[in-house]
Amino acid sequence: MNEAQIKLKRTESVLEQLIPEALGSLNDKRLHELDVIEVKCSRGKSDAKVFINPADFSEEEKSTYLKLLRNARPIIETFCLKDQGWYRCPKFTFEFDEQLKKTQSIEELFKKIAKDKGEE
């Protein structure tokens, strides 16, 4: 791992801690309950994808949360800038992490296959 990759990982780690703090400081209580799973920055740190735990939200709730997060994005970015004393902050895009659900469904399929093979 070279120095640039280490700096990128460090920035992602800092953002994983700062974004939930920023969400907690907002007036909208609905945003307080969101869990940040992962932050992935672009190589130049100009953009960052923030992956949110989908929990058991419906599609309608997810779209509502994404709209709220888009509106709160400048406030969250300003919070991160001020906290770290950075010159600029990555532009955040928020997504629900569907990978967890896919992993769970694959694990369920494997369990079912194992169970079926055990019955034969």
Protein backbone atom coordinates (compact mmCIF):
# COMPACT_ATOMS: atom_id res chain seq x y z
CA MET A 1 0.00 0.00 0.00
CA ASN A 2 1.53 3.29 -1.03
CA GLU A 3 1.32 6.64 0.76
CA ALA A 4 -1.58 7.96 -1.35
CA GLN A 5 -3.67 4.87 -0.59
CA ILE A 6 -2.93 5.22 3.12
CA LYS A 7 -4.06 8.87 3.08
CA LEU A 8 -7.22 7.87 1.21
CA LYS A 9 -8.03 5.16 3.77
CA ARG A 10 -7.37 7.60 6.61
CA THR A 11 -9.75 10.15 5.07
CA GLU A 12 -12.43 7.47 4.62
CA SER A 13 -12.01 6.40 8.23
CA VAL A 14 -12.31 9.97 9.51
CA LEU A 15 -15.43 10.52 7.42
CA GLU A 16 -17.00 7.29 8.74
CA GLN A 17 -16.78 8.83 12.20
CA LEU A 18 -17.66 12.43 11.31
CA ILE A 19 -20.74 11.85 9.16
CA PRO A 20 -22.77 10.14 11.95
CA GLU A 21 -21.77 13.02 14.27
CA ALA A 22 -22.95 15.50 11.65
CA LEU A 23 -26.23 13.62 11.20
CA GLY A 24 -26.72 13.65 14.97
CA SER A 25 -26.25 17.41 15.09
CA LEU A 26 -29.06 18.06 12.57
CA ASN A 27 -32.52 19.16 13.67
CA ASP A 28 -34.31 16.38 11.77
CA LYS A 29 -34.60 13.47 14.21
CA ARG A 30 -35.22 10.98 11.39
CA LEU A 31 -31.61 11.35 10.22
CA HIS A 32 -30.27 10.53 13.70
CA GLU A 33 -31.23 6.85 13.32
CA LEU A 34 -29.24 6.23 10.12
CA ASP A 35 -26.11 4.06 10.35
CA VAL A 36 -23.14 4.78 8.11
CA ILE A 37 -21.64 1.46 7.03
CA GLU A 38 -18.83 2.63 4.78
CA VAL A 39 -17.40 5.66 3.00
CA LYS A 40 -15.57 5.28 -0.31
CA CYS A 41 -13.64 8.31 -1.58
CA SER A 42 -12.56 8.82 -5.17
CA ARG A 43 -8.83 8.79 -5.80
CA GLY A 44 -8.59 12.60 -5.77
CA LYS A 45 -10.87 12.85 -2.71
CA SER A 46 -13.20 15.16 -4.60
CA ASP A 47 -16.17 12.79 -4.27
CA ALA A 48 -17.23 10.28 -1.65
CA LYS A 49 -19.97 7.66 -1.63
CA VAL A 50 -21.55 7.20 1.77
CA PHE A 51 -23.18 3.81 2.23
CA ILE A 52 -26.09 3.70 4.68
CA ASN A 53 -27.50 0.60 6.40
CA PRO A 54 -30.87 -0.08 4.73
CA ALA A 55 -32.23 -1.71 7.93
CA ASP A 56 -35.84 -2.62 7.19
CA PHE A 57 -36.86 0.54 5.37
CA SER A 58 -39.41 0.34 2.58
CA GLU A 59 -38.56 1.75 -0.85
CA GLU A 60 -40.69 4.81 -0.09
CA GLU A 61 -38.82 5.43 3.18
CA LYS A 62 -35.48 5.00 1.42
CA SER A 63 -36.35 7.61 -1.20
CA THR A 64 -37.49 9.98 1.57
CA TYR A 65 -34.22 9.49 3.47
CA LEU A 66 -32.15 10.00 0.32
CA LYS A 67 -33.99 13.25 -0.38
CA LEU A 68 -33.38 14.44 3.20
CA LEU A 69 -29.70 13.51 2.92
CA ARG A 70 -29.32 15.35 -0.40
CA ASN A 71 -30.79 18.47 1.21
CA ALA A 72 -28.54 18.11 4.28
CA ARG A 73 -25.39 17.42 2.25
CA PRO A 74 -23.98 20.99 2.38
CA ILE A 75 -24.45 21.12 6.16
CA ILE A 76 -22.73 17.74 6.62
CA GLU A 77 -19.84 18.80 4.38
CA THR A 78 -19.43 22.08 6.30
CA PHE A 79 -19.43 20.14 9.58
CA CYS A 80 -16.60 17.92 8.31
CA LEU A 81 -14.63 20.91 7.00
CA LYS A 82 -14.82 22.80 10.26
CA ASP A 83 -14.09 19.77 12.43
CA GLN A 84 -10.97 18.72 10.53
CA GLY A 85 -9.78 22.15 9.38
CA TRP A 86 -9.66 20.91 5.79
CA TYR A 87 -9.40 23.26 2.83
CA ARG A 88 -12.08 21.32 0.97
CA CYS A 89 -14.34 18.38 1.66
CA PRO A 90 -15.41 15.62 -0.74
CA LYS A 91 -18.83 16.00 -2.30
CA PHE A 92 -21.01 13.34 -0.71
CA THR A 93 -23.46 11.07 -2.48
CA PHE A 94 -25.60 8.86 -0.28
CA GLU A 95 -26.69 5.32 -1.12
CA PHE A 96 -28.28 2.47 0.77
CA ASP A 97 -25.93 -0.52 0.91
CA GLU A 98 -27.84 -3.39 -0.66
CA GLN A 99 -24.79 -5.68 -0.52
CA LEU A 100 -25.76 -6.84 2.98
CA LYS A 101 -29.16 -8.08 1.81
CA LYS A 102 -27.59 -9.87 -1.15
CA THR A 103 -25.09 -11.57 1.14
CA GLN A 104 -27.85 -12.68 3.52
CA SER A 105 -29.96 -14.11 0.69
CA ILE A 106 -26.94 -16.00 -0.70
CA GLU A 107 -26.23 -17.43 2.77
CA GLU A 108 -29.87 -18.53 3.05
CA LEU A 109 -29.58 -20.28 -0.32
CA PHE A 110 -26.45 -22.12 0.82
CA LYS A 111 -28.21 -23.21 4.02
CA LYS A 112 -31.17 -24.45 1.99
CA ILE A 113 -28.88 -26.38 -0.37
CA ALA A 114 -27.03 -27.92 2.57
CA LYS A 115 -30.33 -28.87 4.19
CA ASP A 116 -31.61 -30.41 0.94
CA LYS A 117 -28.40 -32.43 0.50
CA GLY A 118 -28.63 -33.58 4.10
CA GLU A 119 -32.15 -34.97 3.50
CA GLU A 120 -31.08 -37.05 0.49
